[in-house]
Amino acid sequence: MLPSKKRIISAFVCFIILSLIFAPGFSKLQQIREQNRLLLQEIERLKKENADLKEQERRYQEDFYIEKLARETLKMGRKGEVIYKINSDYSDEEQRLQR
């Protein structure tokens, strides 16, 4: 026995109505999943950055690193130590001519 035209039309109308009801929800679900994926990537990036900052903090507490930083950035030296500043703007030829 074949389904009647009324049943086929009723099923089709029900399908359309259900599609109209659930389609926006499905679209919103896809947006939320994408947003979640992006946030998880951001969390991973921040975890790595946090680990790097903790490592940097640990290094800043070491005397050797503090001394190295002071020597390189502040041009400081130990007591009695003489620091020579070499001007790197001169080319090799200019340096030879000045001697």
Protein backbone atom coordinates (compact mmCIF):
# COMPACT_ATOMS: atom_id res chain seq x y z
CA MET A 1 0.00 0.00 0.00
CA LEU A 2 1.46 3.35 -1.05
CA PRO A 3 1.30 6.29 1.30
CA SER A 4 -1.31 8.80 0.37
CA LYS A 5 -0.46 12.24 -0.97
CA LYS A 6 -1.67 13.80 2.28
CA ARG A 7 0.82 11.76 4.31
CA ILE A 8 3.70 12.63 2.00
CA ILE A 9 2.83 16.33 2.12
CA SER A 10 2.40 16.19 5.92
CA ALA A 11 5.79 14.52 6.34
CA PHE A 12 7.39 17.09 4.04
CA VAL A 13 5.80 20.01 5.92
CA CYS A 14 6.92 18.53 9.26
CA PHE A 15 10.44 18.17 7.88
CA ILE A 16 10.47 21.81 6.73
CA ILE A 17 9.14 23.06 10.07
CA LEU A 18 11.69 21.03 12.04
CA SER A 19 14.46 22.24 9.74
CA LEU A 20 13.44 25.85 10.31
CA ILE A 21 13.41 25.28 14.07
CA PHE A 22 16.73 23.42 14.38
CA ALA A 23 18.83 24.98 11.57
CA PRO A 24 19.64 28.21 13.47
CA GLY A 25 20.57 26.13 16.52
CA PHE A 26 22.90 23.98 14.43
CA SER A 27 24.50 27.08 12.93
CA LYS A 28 25.00 28.55 16.40
CA LEU A 29 26.50 25.25 17.56
CA GLN A 30 29.05 25.42 14.72
CA GLN A 31 29.96 28.99 15.70
CA ILE A 32 30.42 27.97 19.33
CA ARG A 33 32.61 25.03 18.31
CA GLU A 34 34.81 27.31 16.20
CA GLN A 35 35.04 29.84 19.02
CA ASN A 36 35.94 27.03 21.42
CA ARG A 37 38.69 25.82 19.07
CA LEU A 38 40.15 29.35 18.86
CA LEU A 39 40.02 29.77 22.62
CA LEU A 40 41.82 26.44 23.14
CA GLN A 41 44.57 27.63 20.79
CA GLU A 42 44.83 30.87 22.75
CA ILE A 43 45.04 28.90 26.02
CA GLU A 44 47.93 26.83 24.62
CA ARG A 45 49.74 29.96 23.47
CA LEU A 46 49.29 31.58 26.88
CA LYS A 47 50.50 28.43 28.67
CA LYS A 48 53.68 28.49 26.59
CA GLU A 49 54.14 32.20 27.24
CA ASN A 50 53.60 31.61 30.96
CA ALA A 51 56.21 28.83 30.99
CA ASP A 52 58.66 31.12 29.18
CA LEU A 53 58.06 33.89 31.71
CA LYS A 54 58.59 31.49 34.63
CA GLU A 55 61.88 30.39 33.07
CA GLN A 56 62.89 34.03 32.62
CA GLU A 57 61.98 34.74 36.25
CA ARG A 58 64.11 31.79 37.37
CA ARG A 59 67.07 33.10 35.34
CA TYR A 60 66.70 36.59 36.78
CA GLN A 61 67.26 35.15 40.22
CA GLU A 62 70.65 33.66 39.29
CA ASP A 63 73.70 35.80 40.11
CA PHE A 64 75.48 34.84 36.87
CA TYR A 65 72.57 36.04 34.73
CA ILE A 66 72.21 39.28 36.71
CA GLU A 67 75.92 39.98 36.24
CA LYS A 68 75.72 39.19 32.51
CA LEU A 69 72.70 41.47 32.12
CA ALA A 70 74.43 44.30 33.99
CA ARG A 71 77.58 43.95 31.89
CA GLU A 72 75.76 43.86 28.54
CA THR A 73 72.97 46.37 28.99
CA LEU A 74 74.27 48.74 31.64
CA LYS A 75 77.95 48.49 30.65
CA MET A 76 78.91 47.79 34.26
CA GLY A 77 82.00 46.01 35.48
CA ARG A 78 83.54 44.65 38.64
CA LYS A 79 85.64 46.76 41.00
CA GLY A 80 89.00 47.50 39.44
CA GLU A 81 87.91 46.28 36.05
CA VAL A 82 88.45 48.57 33.06
CA ILE A 83 85.80 48.50 30.35
CA TYR A 84 86.82 49.39 26.80
CA LYS A 85 84.21 50.64 24.40
CA ILE A 86 84.84 49.69 20.79
CA ASN A 87 83.10 51.78 18.17
CA SER A 88 81.83 49.36 15.55
CA ASP A 89 80.79 52.14 13.14
CA TYR A 90 84.22 52.21 11.55
CA SER A 91 85.03 49.91 8.69
CA ASP A 92 88.14 47.71 8.82
CA GLU A 93 89.96 50.05 6.42
CA GLU A 94 89.22 53.11 8.55
CA GLN A 95 90.46 51.33 11.65
CA ARG A 96 93.75 50.45 9.92
CA LEU A 97 94.24 54.03 8.76
CA GLN A 98 93.83 55.40 12.30
CA ARG A 99 96.66 53.26 13.67
